[in-house]
Amino acid sequence: MAKPDADVEDIARTPLEDLNIDGDEIPPVLIEAAEDPYAREALTDCNAIVAEIARIDRVLGPDYDYLGRPEGGLKPGRVAKGLVGSLIPFRGIVREVTGAAGEERELIYAITAGMVRRGFLKGLGMGRGCDYPATPRTMTMEEELAADEQASKAQAAEEQAAEEQAAQEPPADPR
């Protein structure tokens, strides 16, 4: 579901998608989320919440708390895909008649339900006192990398100090 910029294959598939010949199937985890995004029967502990979030992440990609704000701007693949789609006369009507528009609406509904479910799961995990990834990330990626680097430097400094202290201590008396 989480797709990067359109490539040549995606661009070539545009007319087939519009004619409802080559569409994407909705993954089961998103179908389940669309049926009941707030289901909690199987969520007995933090590990169960993490497992459910991981199922959703495999389909939707990382959550916003991991990625941050997506980059915008003009993407050549999207422009090309839009251009190919615009060559189909009465594209909107064709998509409605073939059912492609309806399937796209179902897919968007399922993706939205998956995102809602993931948000619900993280809120539930936070309420139960779980750790990340069963709760929202508390630091940005940059802050986390800086904290990891600072911790690594502190550990290296401690190890160096311990080595220097060991080198200055007289050898143990073998008696």
C-alpha atoms as a PDB file:
ATOM      1  CA  MET A   1       0.000   0.000   0.000  1.00  0.00           C
ATOM      2  CA  ALA A   2       2.786   2.404   0.893  1.00  0.00           C
ATOM      3  CA  LYS A   3       4.097   3.226  -2.553  1.00  0.00           C
ATOM      4  CA  PRO A   4       6.950   5.483  -3.586  1.00  0.00           C
ATOM      5  CA  ASP A   5       6.732   7.671  -6.670  1.00  0.00           C
ATOM      6  CA  ALA A   6       5.144   5.924  -9.663  1.00  0.00           C
ATOM      7  CA  ASP A   7       7.579   3.995 -11.841  1.00  0.00           C
ATOM      8  CA  VAL A   8       7.286   2.968 -15.514  1.00  0.00           C
ATOM      9  CA  GLU A   9       5.246  -0.128 -14.623  1.00  0.00           C
ATOM     10  CA  ASP A  10       2.772   1.912 -12.549  1.00  0.00           C
ATOM     11  CA  ILE A  11       2.403   4.414 -15.369  1.00  0.00           C
ATOM     12  CA  ALA A  12       1.788   1.657 -17.929  1.00  0.00           C
ATOM     13  CA  ARG A  13      -0.848   0.030 -15.672  1.00  0.00           C
ATOM     14  CA  THR A  14      -2.916   3.239 -15.440  1.00  0.00           C
ATOM     15  CA  PRO A  15      -5.283   2.428 -18.337  1.00  0.00           C
ATOM     16  CA  LEU A  16      -5.717  -1.143 -17.054  1.00  0.00           C
ATOM     17  CA  GLU A  17      -6.599   0.173 -13.596  1.00  0.00           C
ATOM     18  CA  ASP A  18      -9.077   2.642 -15.111  1.00  0.00           C
ATOM     19  CA  LEU A  19     -10.756  -0.224 -16.987  1.00  0.00           C
ATOM     20  CA  ASN A  20     -10.793  -2.269 -13.752  1.00  0.00           C
ATOM     21  CA  ILE A  21      -8.612  -4.971 -15.302  1.00  0.00           C
ATOM     22  CA  ASP A  22      -5.590  -4.614 -13.036  1.00  0.00           C
ATOM     23  CA  GLY A  23      -6.486  -3.270  -9.601  1.00  0.00           C
ATOM     24  CA  ASP A  24      -4.982  -3.762  -6.172  1.00  0.00           C
ATOM     25  CA  GLU A  25      -6.590  -6.222  -3.776  1.00  0.00           C
ATOM     26  CA  ILE A  26      -7.276  -4.977  -0.283  1.00  0.00           C
ATOM     27  CA  PRO A  27      -5.031  -6.771   2.242  1.00  0.00           C
ATOM     28  CA  PRO A  28      -6.859  -8.795   4.922  1.00  0.00           C
ATOM     29  CA  VAL A  29      -5.518  -6.655   7.796  1.00  0.00           C
ATOM     30  CA  LEU A  30      -7.180  -3.587   6.253  1.00  0.00           C
ATOM     31  CA  ILE A  31     -10.440  -5.460   5.670  1.00  0.00           C
ATOM     32  CA  GLU A  32     -10.418  -6.419   9.366  1.00  0.00           C
ATOM     33  CA  ALA A  33      -9.695  -2.801  10.337  1.00  0.00           C
ATOM     34  CA  ALA A  34     -12.571  -1.566   8.160  1.00  0.00           C
ATOM     35  CA  GLU A  35     -14.961  -4.031   9.832  1.00  0.00           C
ATOM     36  CA  ASP A  36     -14.080  -2.883  13.369  1.00  0.00           C
ATOM     37  CA  PRO A  37     -11.182  -0.447  13.849  1.00  0.00           C
ATOM     38  CA  TYR A  38     -11.728  -0.447  17.626  1.00  0.00           C
ATOM     39  CA  ALA A  39     -11.784  -4.211  18.222  1.00  0.00           C
ATOM     40  CA  ARG A  40      -9.859  -5.092  21.365  1.00  0.00           C
ATOM     41  CA  GLU A  41     -10.735  -8.708  22.256  1.00  0.00           C
ATOM     42  CA  ALA A  42      -7.379 -10.170  21.176  1.00  0.00           C
ATOM     43  CA  LEU A  43      -5.338  -7.313  22.646  1.00  0.00           C
ATOM     44  CA  THR A  44      -4.515  -8.951  25.958  1.00  0.00           C
ATOM     45  CA  ASP A  45      -1.104  -7.324  26.544  1.00  0.00           C
ATOM     46  CA  CYS A  46       1.499  -4.952  25.088  1.00  0.00           C
ATOM     47  CA  ASN A  47       3.012  -7.694  22.898  1.00  0.00           C
ATOM     48  CA  ALA A  48      -0.360  -8.309  21.248  1.00  0.00           C
ATOM     49  CA  ILE A  49      -0.666  -4.590  20.515  1.00  0.00           C
ATOM     50  CA  VAL A  50       2.856  -4.495  19.038  1.00  0.00           C
ATOM     51  CA  ALA A  51       2.060  -7.521  16.840  1.00  0.00           C
ATOM     52  CA  GLU A  52      -1.132  -5.895  15.535  1.00  0.00           C
ATOM     53  CA  ILE A  53       0.666  -2.615  14.812  1.00  0.00           C
ATOM     54  CA  ALA A  54       3.385  -4.570  12.958  1.00  0.00           C
ATOM     55  CA  ARG A  55       0.721  -6.240  10.754  1.00  0.00           C
ATOM     56  CA  ILE A  56      -0.608  -2.821   9.811  1.00  0.00           C
ATOM     57  CA  ASP A  57       2.881  -1.353   9.294  1.00  0.00           C
ATOM     58  CA  ARG A  58       3.747  -4.151   6.829  1.00  0.00           C
ATOM     59  CA  VAL A  59       0.852  -3.004   4.642  1.00  0.00           C
ATOM     60  CA  LEU A  60       0.736   0.760   5.181  1.00  0.00           C
ATOM     61  CA  GLY A  61       4.397   1.419   5.874  1.00  0.00           C
ATOM     62  CA  PRO A  62       5.738   3.209   8.941  1.00  0.00           C
ATOM     63  CA  ASP A  63       3.473   5.476  10.972  1.00  0.00           C
ATOM     64  CA  TYR A  64       3.771   9.261  11.018  1.00  0.00           C
ATOM     65  CA  ASP A  65       5.540   9.177  14.376  1.00  0.00           C
ATOM     66  CA  TYR A  66       8.396   7.350  12.641  1.00  0.00           C
ATOM     67  CA  LEU A  67       8.520   9.132   9.296  1.00  0.00           C
ATOM     68  CA  GLY A  68       7.437  12.631  10.173  1.00  0.00           C
ATOM     69  CA  ARG A  69       5.759  14.837   7.604  1.00  0.00           C
ATOM     70  CA  PRO A  70       5.968  13.357   4.088  1.00  0.00           C
ATOM     71  CA  GLU A  71       7.833  15.331   1.478  1.00  0.00           C
ATOM     72  CA  GLY A  72       5.614  17.149  -0.964  1.00  0.00           C
ATOM     73  CA  GLY A  73       6.397  18.611  -4.290  1.00  0.00           C
ATOM     74  CA  LEU A  74       6.163  17.640  -7.895  1.00  0.00           C
ATOM     75  CA  LYS A  75       6.968  13.978  -8.536  1.00  0.00           C
ATOM     76  CA  PRO A  76       7.781  13.044 -12.146  1.00  0.00           C
ATOM     77  CA  GLY A  77       6.135   9.614 -11.829  1.00  0.00           C
ATOM     78  CA  ARG A  78       2.869  11.111 -10.576  1.00  0.00           C
ATOM     79  CA  VAL A  79       2.869  13.660 -13.378  1.00  0.00           C
ATOM     80  CA  ALA A  80       3.439  10.937 -15.982  1.00  0.00           C
ATOM     81  CA  LYS A  81       0.717   8.719 -14.482  1.00  0.00           C
ATOM     82  CA  GLY A  82      -1.714  11.650 -14.508  1.00  0.00           C
ATOM     83  CA  LEU A  83      -0.799  12.445 -18.104  1.00  0.00           C
ATOM     84  CA  VAL A  84      -1.417   8.852 -19.236  1.00  0.00           C
ATOM     85  CA  GLY A  85      -4.734   8.837 -17.354  1.00  0.00           C
ATOM     86  CA  SER A  86      -5.777  12.090 -19.005  1.00  0.00           C
ATOM     87  CA  LEU A  87      -5.464  10.485 -22.443  1.00  0.00           C
ATOM     88  CA  ILE A  88      -8.496   8.275 -21.725  1.00  0.00           C
ATOM     89  CA  PRO A  89     -11.601  10.117 -22.934  1.00  0.00           C
ATOM     90  CA  PHE A  90     -14.328  10.481 -20.289  1.00  0.00           C
ATOM     91  CA  ARG A  91     -12.000   8.838 -17.765  1.00  0.00           C
ATOM     92  CA  GLY A  92     -14.250   9.513 -14.755  1.00  0.00           C
ATOM     93  CA  ILE A  93     -17.254   7.936 -16.432  1.00  0.00           C
ATOM     94  CA  VAL A  94     -15.181   4.958 -17.629  1.00  0.00           C
ATOM     95  CA  ARG A  95     -13.897   4.424 -14.072  1.00  0.00           C
ATOM     96  CA  GLU A  96     -17.445   4.519 -12.658  1.00  0.00           C
ATOM     97  CA  VAL A  97     -18.883   2.183 -15.308  1.00  0.00           C
ATOM     98  CA  THR A  98     -16.067  -0.374 -14.989  1.00  0.00           C
ATOM     99  CA  GLY A  99     -16.183  -0.289 -11.192  1.00  0.00           C
ATOM    100  CA  ALA A 100     -12.613   0.990 -10.859  1.00  0.00           C
ATOM    101  CA  ALA A 101     -13.749   4.152  -9.052  1.00  0.00           C
ATOM    102  CA  GLY A 102     -15.786   2.123  -6.559  1.00  0.00           C
ATOM    103  CA  GLU A 103     -12.859  -0.193  -5.874  1.00  0.00           C
ATOM    104  CA  GLU A 104     -10.606   2.810  -5.370  1.00  0.00           C
ATOM    105  CA  ARG A 105     -13.090   4.241  -2.854  1.00  0.00           C
ATOM    106  CA  GLU A 106     -13.134   0.882  -1.013  1.00  0.00           C
ATOM    107  CA  LEU A 107      -9.332   0.839  -0.963  1.00  0.00           C
ATOM    108  CA  ILE A 108      -9.164   4.402   0.383  1.00  0.00           C
ATOM    109  CA  TYR A 109     -11.771   3.507   3.033  1.00  0.00           C
ATOM    110  CA  ALA A 110      -9.727   0.442   4.063  1.00  0.00           C
ATOM    111  CA  ILE A 111      -6.463   2.429   4.201  1.00  0.00           C
ATOM    112  CA  THR A 112      -8.157   5.080   6.340  1.00  0.00           C
ATOM    113  CA  ALA A 113      -9.548   2.371   8.639  1.00  0.00           C
ATOM    114  CA  GLY A 114      -6.046   0.881   8.943  1.00  0.00           C
ATOM    115  CA  MET A 115      -4.641   4.255   9.944  1.00  0.00           C
ATOM    116  CA  VAL A 116      -7.451   4.761  12.464  1.00  0.00           C
ATOM    117  CA  ARG A 117      -6.830   1.281  13.884  1.00  0.00           C
ATOM    118  CA  ARG A 118      -3.119   1.928  14.262  1.00  0.00           C
ATOM    119  CA  GLY A 119      -3.849   5.208  16.062  1.00  0.00           C
ATOM    120  CA  PHE A 120      -6.342   3.442  18.332  1.00  0.00           C
ATOM    121  CA  LEU A 121      -3.806   0.704  19.102  1.00  0.00           C
ATOM    122  CA  LYS A 122      -1.116   3.234  20.030  1.00  0.00           C
ATOM    123  CA  GLY A 123      -3.561   5.094  22.267  1.00  0.00           C
ATOM    124  CA  LEU A 124      -4.583   1.826  23.912  1.00  0.00           C
ATOM    125  CA  GLY A 125      -0.916   0.917  24.414  1.00  0.00           C
ATOM    126  CA  MET A 126      -0.199   4.320  25.914  1.00  0.00           C
ATOM    127  CA  GLY A 127      -3.117   3.900  28.312  1.00  0.00           C
ATOM    128  CA  ARG A 128      -1.743   0.518  29.400  1.00  0.00           C
ATOM    129  CA  GLY A 129       1.773   1.893  29.915  1.00  0.00           C
ATOM    130  CA  CYS A 130       3.346   0.005  26.999  1.00  0.00           C
ATOM    131  CA  ASP A 131       6.605   1.086  25.351  1.00  0.00           C
ATOM    132  CA  TYR A 132       7.142   2.099  21.721  1.00  0.00           C
ATOM    133  CA  PRO A 133       6.033   0.786  19.198  1.00  0.00           C
ATOM    134  CA  ALA A 134       2.823   0.096  21.128  1.00  0.00           C
ATOM    135  CA  THR A 135       2.700   3.827  21.880  1.00  0.00           C
ATOM    136  CA  PRO A 136       3.567   6.899  19.819  1.00  0.00           C
ATOM    137  CA  ARG A 137       7.242   7.722  19.476  1.00  0.00           C
ATOM    138  CA  THR A 138       8.127  10.509  21.887  1.00  0.00           C
ATOM    139  CA  MET A 139      11.111  11.861  19.963  1.00  0.00           C
ATOM    140  CA  THR A 140      11.561  12.804  16.344  1.00  0.00           C
ATOM    141  CA  MET A 141      13.900  10.629  14.309  1.00  0.00           C
ATOM    142  CA  GLU A 142      16.563  13.352  14.437  1.00  0.00           C
ATOM    143  CA  GLU A 143      16.249  13.658  18.230  1.00  0.00           C
ATOM    144  CA  GLU A 144      16.462   9.884  18.609  1.00  0.00           C
ATOM    145  CA  LEU A 145      19.576   9.661  16.427  1.00  0.00           C
ATOM    146  CA  ALA A 146      21.189  12.520  18.390  1.00  0.00           C
ATOM    147  CA  ALA A 147      20.326  10.801  21.698  1.00  0.00           C
ATOM    148  CA  ASP A 148      21.760   7.489  20.426  1.00  0.00           C
ATOM    149  CA  GLU A 149      24.949   9.259  19.323  1.00  0.00           C
ATOM    150  CA  GLN A 150      25.246  11.041  22.674  1.00  0.00           C
ATOM    151  CA  ALA A 151      24.723   7.751  24.539  1.00  0.00           C
ATOM    152  CA  SER A 152      27.383   6.055  22.387  1.00  0.00           C
ATOM    153  CA  LYS A 153      29.859   8.861  23.112  1.00  0.00           C
ATOM    154  CA  ALA A 154      29.110   8.681  26.840  1.00  0.00           C
ATOM    155  CA  GLN A 155      29.614   4.902  26.839  1.00  0.00           C
ATOM    156  CA  ALA A 156      32.895   5.248  24.926  1.00  0.00           C
ATOM    157  CA  ALA A 157      34.086   7.898  27.425  1.00  0.00           C
ATOM    158  CA  GLU A 158      33.198   5.609  30.366  1.00  0.00           C
ATOM    159  CA  GLU A 159      35.058   2.687  28.779  1.00  0.00           C
ATOM    160  CA  GLN A 160      38.110   4.864  28.116  1.00  0.00           C
ATOM    161  CA  ALA A 161      38.085   6.172  31.701  1.00  0.00           C
ATOM    162  CA  ALA A 162      37.855   2.595  33.026  1.00  0.00           C
ATOM    163  CA  GLU A 163      40.801   1.541  30.831  1.00  0.00           C
ATOM    164  CA  GLU A 164      42.887   4.506  31.998  1.00  0.00           C
ATOM    165  CA  GLN A 165      42.070   3.770  35.636  1.00  0.00           C
ATOM    166  CA  ALA A 166      42.983   0.108  35.182  1.00  0.00           C
ATOM    167  CA  ALA A 167      46.285   1.112  33.587  1.00  0.00           C
ATOM    168  CA  GLN A 168      47.140   3.396  36.544  1.00  0.00           C
ATOM    169  CA  GLU A 169      46.363   0.850  39.264  1.00  0.00           C
ATOM    170  CA  PRO A 170      49.354  -1.137  40.516  1.00  0.00           C
ATOM    171  CA  PRO A 171      49.287  -4.833  39.739  1.00  0.00           C
ATOM    172  CA  ALA A 172      47.663  -7.023  42.380  1.00  0.00           C
ATOM    173  CA  ASP A 173      50.044  -8.552  44.929  1.00  0.00           C
ATOM    174  CA  PRO A 174      50.234 -12.302  44.145  1.00  0.00           C
ATOM    175  CA  ARG A 175      50.805 -13.286  47.816  1.00  0.00           C
END
